[in-house]
Amino acid sequence: MAKNICGWSRMSRKGSATVEFISVLPLVILMCLVVWQFVVAGMAILETETLLSNWSRLAASSGELEEMEKKGREDFEPTGYYRLKSFELKEKNDQIIVEAKTEIDLLFLPSTSVTYSGLQKTPLIR
């Protein structure tokens, strides 16, 4: 009798692995999208902070703000996932203040974006 019940139990579970696979697959794809979004955001933040650091030092040592601002905009290479929204160099109280805003697109909502803004202050070298 017990042998008959075990056989019936195995027979009624045919296809359960397929159902589990189909239900888990969207979760795996969603997790991959979330991980990729964090990678893209990290790259955008890293590139923005590098831009701020490099161009604040160059502007502080050269003093030519307009030319450095133009070159700084050209230095930031946009990708399909993020782009430079604004980049400003200002001189105030013997300091160079550099502000940049980067717009990061959301992978699963292409029409929506997040803005990262950074600020760097460097003493003016005379």
N, C-alpha and C. Protein backbone atom coordinates (compact mmCIF):
# COMPACT_ATOMS: atom_id res chain seq x y z
N MET A 1 0.82 -1.20 0.00
CA MET A 1 0.00 0.00 0.00
C MET A 1 0.86 1.27 0.00
N ALA A 2 1.94 1.30 0.85
CA ALA A 2 2.81 2.47 0.92
C ALA A 2 3.53 2.67 -0.40
N LYS A 3 3.89 1.57 -1.05
CA LYS A 3 4.56 1.66 -2.34
C LYS A 3 3.64 2.30 -3.39
N ASN A 4 2.39 1.99 -3.32
CA ASN A 4 1.41 2.52 -4.25
C ASN A 4 1.21 4.03 -4.05
N ILE A 5 1.22 4.49 -2.80
CA ILE A 5 1.04 5.92 -2.50
C ILE A 5 2.25 6.72 -2.99
N CYS A 6 3.47 6.19 -2.76
CA CYS A 6 4.68 6.89 -3.22
C CYS A 6 4.71 7.00 -4.73
N GLY A 7 4.29 5.96 -5.41
CA GLY A 7 4.23 6.00 -6.86
C GLY A 7 3.24 7.03 -7.36
N TRP A 8 2.10 7.11 -6.72
CA TRP A 8 1.09 8.09 -7.10
C TRP A 8 1.59 9.51 -6.86
N SER A 9 2.33 9.72 -5.75
CA SER A 9 2.84 11.04 -5.40
C SER A 9 3.84 11.52 -6.44
N ARG A 10 4.72 10.64 -6.87
CA ARG A 10 5.69 11.01 -7.90
C ARG A 10 5.02 11.30 -9.23
N MET A 11 4.02 10.57 -9.55
CA MET A 11 3.33 10.75 -10.83
C MET A 11 2.56 12.08 -10.87
N SER A 12 2.05 12.51 -9.74
CA SER A 12 1.26 13.75 -9.72
C SER A 12 2.15 14.99 -9.72
N ARG A 13 3.45 14.83 -9.49
CA ARG A 13 4.35 15.98 -9.46
C ARG A 13 5.08 16.19 -10.78
N LYS A 14 4.68 15.58 -11.82
CA LYS A 14 5.33 15.79 -13.11
C LYS A 14 5.15 17.25 -13.54
N GLY A 15 6.23 17.85 -13.98
CA GLY A 15 6.17 19.23 -14.43
C GLY A 15 6.37 20.26 -13.33
N SER A 16 6.53 19.83 -12.09
CA SER A 16 6.70 20.81 -11.02
C SER A 16 8.04 21.54 -11.15
N ALA A 17 9.06 20.88 -11.67
CA ALA A 17 10.35 21.55 -11.88
C ALA A 17 10.21 22.65 -12.93
N THR A 18 9.42 22.40 -13.93
CA THR A 18 9.18 23.41 -14.97
C THR A 18 8.45 24.61 -14.40
N VAL A 19 7.47 24.37 -13.57
CA VAL A 19 6.72 25.46 -12.95
C VAL A 19 7.64 26.28 -12.05
N GLU A 20 8.50 25.61 -11.27
CA GLU A 20 9.43 26.34 -10.40
C GLU A 20 10.41 27.16 -11.23
N PHE A 21 10.91 26.60 -12.32
CA PHE A 21 11.84 27.31 -13.19
C PHE A 21 11.18 28.55 -13.79
N ILE A 22 9.97 28.40 -14.28
CA ILE A 22 9.26 29.52 -14.90
C ILE A 22 8.94 30.60 -13.88
N SER A 23 8.68 30.23 -12.64
CA SER A 23 8.37 31.24 -11.62
C SER A 23 9.62 31.92 -11.08
N VAL A 24 10.77 31.25 -11.12
CA VAL A 24 12.01 31.84 -10.60
C VAL A 24 12.73 32.67 -11.66
N LEU A 25 12.57 32.34 -12.92
CA LEU A 25 13.27 33.04 -14.00
C LEU A 25 13.03 34.56 -14.01
N PRO A 26 11.81 35.07 -13.87
CA PRO A 26 11.63 36.53 -13.82
C PRO A 26 12.34 37.18 -12.63
N LEU A 27 12.39 36.48 -11.51
CA LEU A 27 13.10 37.03 -10.35
C LEU A 27 14.60 37.14 -10.62
N VAL A 28 15.16 36.15 -11.28
CA VAL A 28 16.59 36.19 -11.63
C VAL A 28 16.86 37.33 -12.60
N ILE A 29 16.00 37.51 -13.58
CA ILE A 29 16.17 38.60 -14.54
C ILE A 29 16.05 39.96 -13.84
N LEU A 30 15.10 40.10 -12.94
CA LEU A 30 14.93 41.35 -12.19
C LEU A 30 16.16 41.64 -11.32
N MET A 31 16.69 40.62 -10.68
CA MET A 31 17.89 40.81 -9.85
C MET A 31 19.09 41.22 -10.71
N CYS A 32 19.21 40.65 -11.90
CA CYS A 32 20.29 41.05 -12.81
C CYS A 32 20.15 42.52 -13.22
N LEU A 33 18.92 42.97 -13.47
CA LEU A 33 18.69 44.38 -13.79
C LEU A 33 19.06 45.30 -12.63
N VAL A 34 18.72 44.90 -11.43
CA VAL A 34 19.05 45.71 -10.25
C VAL A 34 20.56 45.80 -10.07
N VAL A 35 21.25 44.68 -10.21
CA VAL A 35 22.72 44.68 -10.09
C VAL A 35 23.33 45.55 -11.18
N TRP A 36 22.85 45.43 -12.41
CA TRP A 36 23.38 46.24 -13.51
C TRP A 36 23.10 47.73 -13.27
N GLN A 37 21.96 48.07 -12.70
CA GLN A 37 21.64 49.46 -12.39
C GLN A 37 22.63 50.03 -11.37
N PHE A 38 22.99 49.23 -10.36
CA PHE A 38 23.98 49.68 -9.38
C PHE A 38 25.35 49.87 -10.02
N VAL A 39 25.71 49.00 -10.95
CA VAL A 39 26.99 49.14 -11.65
C VAL A 39 27.01 50.42 -12.47
N VAL A 40 25.94 50.69 -13.19
CA VAL A 40 25.85 51.90 -14.02
C VAL A 40 25.89 53.15 -13.13
N ALA A 41 25.15 53.15 -12.04
CA ALA A 41 25.16 54.30 -11.13
C ALA A 41 26.54 54.51 -10.52
N GLY A 42 27.20 53.43 -10.16
CA GLY A 42 28.56 53.54 -9.62
C GLY A 42 29.53 54.11 -10.63
N MET A 43 29.43 53.68 -11.88
CA MET A 43 30.30 54.22 -12.93
C MET A 43 30.04 55.70 -13.14
N ALA A 44 28.79 56.11 -13.14
CA ALA A 44 28.44 57.52 -13.34
C ALA A 44 28.96 58.39 -12.20
N ILE A 45 28.80 57.91 -10.98
CA ILE A 45 29.28 58.67 -9.82
C ILE A 45 30.79 58.76 -9.83
N LEU A 46 31.46 57.66 -10.14
CA LEU A 46 32.92 57.65 -10.18
C LEU A 46 33.44 58.60 -11.25
N GLU A 47 32.83 58.59 -12.42
CA GLU A 47 33.27 59.47 -13.50
C GLU A 47 33.00 60.94 -13.16
N THR A 48 31.88 61.23 -12.51
CA THR A 48 31.57 62.60 -12.11
C THR A 48 32.56 63.11 -11.07
N GLU A 49 32.86 62.29 -10.08
CA GLU A 49 33.81 62.70 -9.04
C GLU A 49 35.22 62.87 -9.60
N THR A 50 35.61 62.03 -10.54
CA THR A 50 36.91 62.17 -11.19
C THR A 50 36.97 63.47 -11.98
N LEU A 51 35.90 63.79 -12.69
CA LEU A 51 35.82 65.04 -13.43
C LEU A 51 35.96 66.24 -12.49
N LEU A 52 35.25 66.21 -11.38
CA LEU A 52 35.33 67.30 -10.40
C LEU A 52 36.74 67.46 -9.86
N SER A 53 37.34 66.37 -9.48
CA SER A 53 38.68 66.41 -8.88
C SER A 53 39.72 66.94 -9.86
N ASN A 54 39.74 66.37 -11.05
CA ASN A 54 40.76 66.75 -12.03
C ASN A 54 40.63 68.20 -12.48
N TRP A 55 39.42 68.61 -12.80
CA TRP A 55 39.26 69.95 -13.35
C TRP A 55 39.30 71.03 -12.28
N SER A 56 39.02 70.71 -11.03
CA SER A 56 39.20 71.72 -9.98
C SER A 56 40.69 71.98 -9.76
N ARG A 57 41.50 70.93 -9.81
CA ARG A 57 42.95 71.13 -9.66
C ARG A 57 43.52 71.90 -10.85
N LEU A 58 43.10 71.54 -12.06
CA LEU A 58 43.61 72.24 -13.24
C LEU A 58 43.18 73.70 -13.26
N ALA A 59 41.94 73.98 -12.90
CA ALA A 59 41.45 75.36 -12.88
C ALA A 59 42.13 76.17 -11.78
N ALA A 60 42.41 75.54 -10.64
CA ALA A 60 43.07 76.25 -9.55
C ALA A 60 44.50 76.61 -9.91
N SER A 61 45.16 75.77 -10.67
CA SER A 61 46.55 76.07 -11.02
C SER A 61 46.66 77.00 -12.23
N SER A 62 45.71 76.94 -13.17
CA SER A 62 45.82 77.78 -14.36
C SER A 62 45.09 79.11 -14.21
N GLY A 63 43.94 79.11 -13.55
CA GLY A 63 43.16 80.33 -13.37
C GLY A 63 42.26 80.69 -14.54
N GLU A 64 42.32 79.94 -15.62
CA GLU A 64 41.48 80.20 -16.80
C GLU A 64 40.19 79.39 -16.69
N LEU A 65 39.20 79.97 -16.05
CA LEU A 65 37.98 79.22 -15.74
C LEU A 65 37.14 78.89 -16.96
N GLU A 66 36.96 79.85 -17.86
CA GLU A 66 36.09 79.61 -19.02
C GLU A 66 36.64 78.51 -19.92
N GLU A 67 37.94 78.54 -20.16
CA GLU A 67 38.56 77.52 -21.00
C GLU A 67 38.52 76.15 -20.32
N MET A 68 38.77 76.13 -19.02
CA MET A 68 38.75 74.86 -18.28
C MET A 68 37.33 74.28 -18.22
N GLU A 69 36.34 75.15 -18.11
CA GLU A 69 34.95 74.67 -18.09
C GLU A 69 34.58 74.03 -19.42
N LYS A 70 35.00 74.65 -20.51
CA LYS A 70 34.72 74.11 -21.84
C LYS A 70 35.41 72.76 -22.02
N LYS A 71 36.67 72.68 -21.62
CA LYS A 71 37.41 71.42 -21.77
C LYS A 71 36.87 70.34 -20.84
N GLY A 72 36.40 70.75 -19.68
CA GLY A 72 35.81 69.78 -18.74
C GLY A 72 34.54 69.16 -19.29
N ARG A 73 33.72 69.97 -19.95
CA ARG A 73 32.50 69.44 -20.58
C ARG A 73 32.86 68.43 -21.68
N GLU A 74 33.91 68.73 -22.44
CA GLU A 74 34.33 67.83 -23.52
C GLU A 74 34.94 66.54 -22.96
N ASP A 75 35.53 66.63 -21.78
CA ASP A 75 36.22 65.48 -21.18
C ASP A 75 35.24 64.38 -20.74
N PHE A 76 34.05 64.78 -20.34
CA PHE A 76 33.05 63.81 -19.88
C PHE A 76 32.40 63.15 -21.08
N GLU A 77 32.62 61.85 -21.24
CA GLU A 77 32.07 61.14 -22.38
C GLU A 77 30.73 60.51 -21.99
N PRO A 78 29.64 60.93 -22.62
CA PRO A 78 28.33 60.35 -22.28
C PRO A 78 28.21 58.92 -22.81
N THR A 79 27.45 58.13 -22.10
CA THR A 79 27.16 56.77 -22.54
C THR A 79 25.66 56.68 -22.80
N GLY A 80 25.18 55.51 -23.09
CA GLY A 80 23.76 55.34 -23.30
C GLY A 80 22.97 55.36 -22.00
N TYR A 81 23.68 55.27 -20.86
CA TYR A 81 23.02 55.15 -19.57
C TYR A 81 23.11 56.41 -18.71
N TYR A 82 24.12 57.26 -18.94
CA TYR A 82 24.25 58.49 -18.16
C TYR A 82 24.94 59.56 -19.00
N ARG A 83 24.69 60.83 -18.62
CA ARG A 83 25.26 61.96 -19.34
C ARG A 83 25.41 63.15 -18.38
N LEU A 84 26.31 64.05 -18.74
CA LEU A 84 26.56 65.25 -17.94
C LEU A 84 25.44 66.25 -18.19
N LYS A 85 24.75 66.64 -17.13
CA LYS A 85 23.65 67.60 -17.26
C LYS A 85 24.16 69.03 -17.16
N SER A 86 25.04 69.29 -16.19
CA SER A 86 25.62 70.63 -16.06
C SER A 86 27.01 70.53 -15.44
N PHE A 87 27.84 71.51 -15.77
CA PHE A 87 29.21 71.57 -15.26
C PHE A 87 29.59 73.04 -15.16
N GLU A 88 29.91 73.50 -13.95
CA GLU A 88 30.23 74.91 -13.73
C GLU A 88 31.50 75.06 -12.90
N LEU A 89 32.32 76.02 -13.30
CA LEU A 89 33.51 76.41 -12.55
C LEU A 89 33.31 77.86 -12.08
N LYS A 90 33.50 78.10 -10.78
CA LYS A 90 33.35 79.46 -10.24
C LYS A 90 34.53 79.75 -9.31
N GLU A 91 34.85 81.03 -9.21
CA GLU A 91 35.87 81.47 -8.26
C GLU A 91 35.17 82.29 -7.18
N LYS A 92 35.39 81.92 -5.91
CA LYS A 92 34.75 82.63 -4.81
C LYS A 92 35.65 82.51 -3.57
N ASN A 93 35.98 83.64 -2.97
CA ASN A 93 36.79 83.68 -1.75
C ASN A 93 38.09 82.89 -1.88
N ASP A 94 38.84 83.15 -2.95
CA ASP A 94 40.11 82.46 -3.22
C ASP A 94 39.96 80.95 -3.28
N GLN A 95 38.83 80.49 -3.75
CA GLN A 95 38.60 79.06 -3.96
C GLN A 95 37.98 78.85 -5.33
N ILE A 96 38.32 77.71 -5.91
CA ILE A 96 37.66 77.29 -7.14
C ILE A 96 36.57 76.31 -6.73
N ILE A 97 35.35 76.61 -7.12
CA ILE A 97 34.21 75.74 -6.81
C ILE A 97 33.73 75.12 -8.11
N VAL A 98 33.72 73.80 -8.13
CA VAL A 98 33.30 73.06 -9.31
C VAL A 98 32.04 72.29 -8.96
N GLU A 99 31.00 72.48 -9.76
CA GLU A 99 29.74 71.75 -9.57
C GLU A 99 29.41 70.99 -10.85
N ALA A 100 28.98 69.75 -10.68
CA ALA A 100 28.58 68.93 -11.83
C ALA A 100 27.34 68.14 -11.47
N LYS A 101 26.47 67.99 -12.45
CA LYS A 101 25.27 67.16 -12.28
C LYS A 101 25.26 66.14 -13.41
N THR A 102 25.06 64.89 -13.03
CA THR A 102 25.01 63.80 -13.99
C THR A 102 23.63 63.17 -13.95
N GLU A 103 23.05 62.97 -15.10
CA GLU A 103 21.73 62.36 -15.21
C GLU A 103 21.91 60.87 -15.53
N ILE A 104 21.37 60.01 -14.66
CA ILE A 104 21.50 58.56 -14.81
C ILE A 104 20.14 57.99 -15.15
N ASP A 105 20.06 57.30 -16.29
CA ASP A 105 18.80 56.68 -16.71
C ASP A 105 18.58 55.39 -15.93
N LEU A 106 17.31 55.12 -15.61
CA LEU A 106 16.96 53.85 -14.99
C LEU A 106 16.78 52.82 -16.09
N LEU A 107 17.36 51.64 -15.91
CA LEU A 107 17.34 50.62 -16.96
C LEU A 107 15.94 50.10 -17.23
N PHE A 108 15.16 49.88 -16.17
CA PHE A 108 13.85 49.28 -16.37
C PHE A 108 12.76 50.32 -16.55
N LEU A 109 13.09 51.60 -16.41
CA LEU A 109 12.16 52.70 -16.71
C LEU A 109 12.92 53.75 -17.53
N PRO A 110 13.06 53.55 -18.83
CA PRO A 110 13.91 54.43 -19.64
C PRO A 110 13.49 55.90 -19.64
N SER A 111 12.24 56.19 -19.42
CA SER A 111 11.80 57.58 -19.45
C SER A 111 12.10 58.31 -18.14
N THR A 112 12.51 57.57 -17.10
CA THR A 112 12.80 58.15 -15.80
C THR A 112 14.31 58.19 -15.58
N SER A 113 14.79 59.24 -14.93
CA SER A 113 16.22 59.33 -14.64
C SER A 113 16.43 59.89 -13.24
N VAL A 114 17.62 59.63 -12.72
CA VAL A 114 18.03 60.10 -11.40
C VAL A 114 19.20 61.06 -11.62
N THR A 115 19.25 62.14 -10.88
CA THR A 115 20.33 63.11 -11.03
C THR A 115 21.28 63.02 -9.84
N TYR A 116 22.57 62.89 -10.15
CA TYR A 116 23.61 62.91 -9.12
C TYR A 116 24.34 64.24 -9.25
N SER A 117 24.49 64.96 -8.14
CA SER A 117 25.22 66.23 -8.18
C SER A 117 26.40 66.17 -7.23
N GLY A 118 27.50 66.72 -7.70
CA GLY A 118 28.72 66.73 -6.90
C GLY A 118 29.30 68.13 -6.83
N LEU A 119 30.05 68.39 -5.77
CA LEU A 119 30.66 69.70 -5.53
C LEU A 119 32.08 69.49 -5.04
N GLN A 120 33.00 70.28 -5.57
CA GLN A 120 34.41 70.19 -5.17
C GLN A 120 34.93 71.60 -4.97
N LYS A 121 35.61 71.83 -3.84
CA LYS A 121 36.23 73.13 -3.57
C LYS A 121 37.74 72.92 -3.48
N THR A 122 38.48 73.79 -4.18
CA THR A 122 39.93 73.71 -4.19
C THR A 122 40.49 75.11 -3.98
N PRO A 123 41.51 75.26 -3.12
CA PRO A 123 42.11 76.59 -2.94
C PRO A 123 42.78 77.07 -4.23
N LEU A 124 42.63 78.34 -4.50
CA LEU A 124 43.20 78.94 -5.71
C LEU A 124 44.70 79.11 -5.52
N ILE A 125 45.47 78.66 -6.50
CA ILE A 125 46.93 78.77 -6.46
C ILE A 125 47.32 79.99 -7.27
N ARG A 126 48.02 80.92 -6.62
CA ARG A 126 48.44 82.15 -7.32
C ARG A 126 49.94 82.23 -7.38
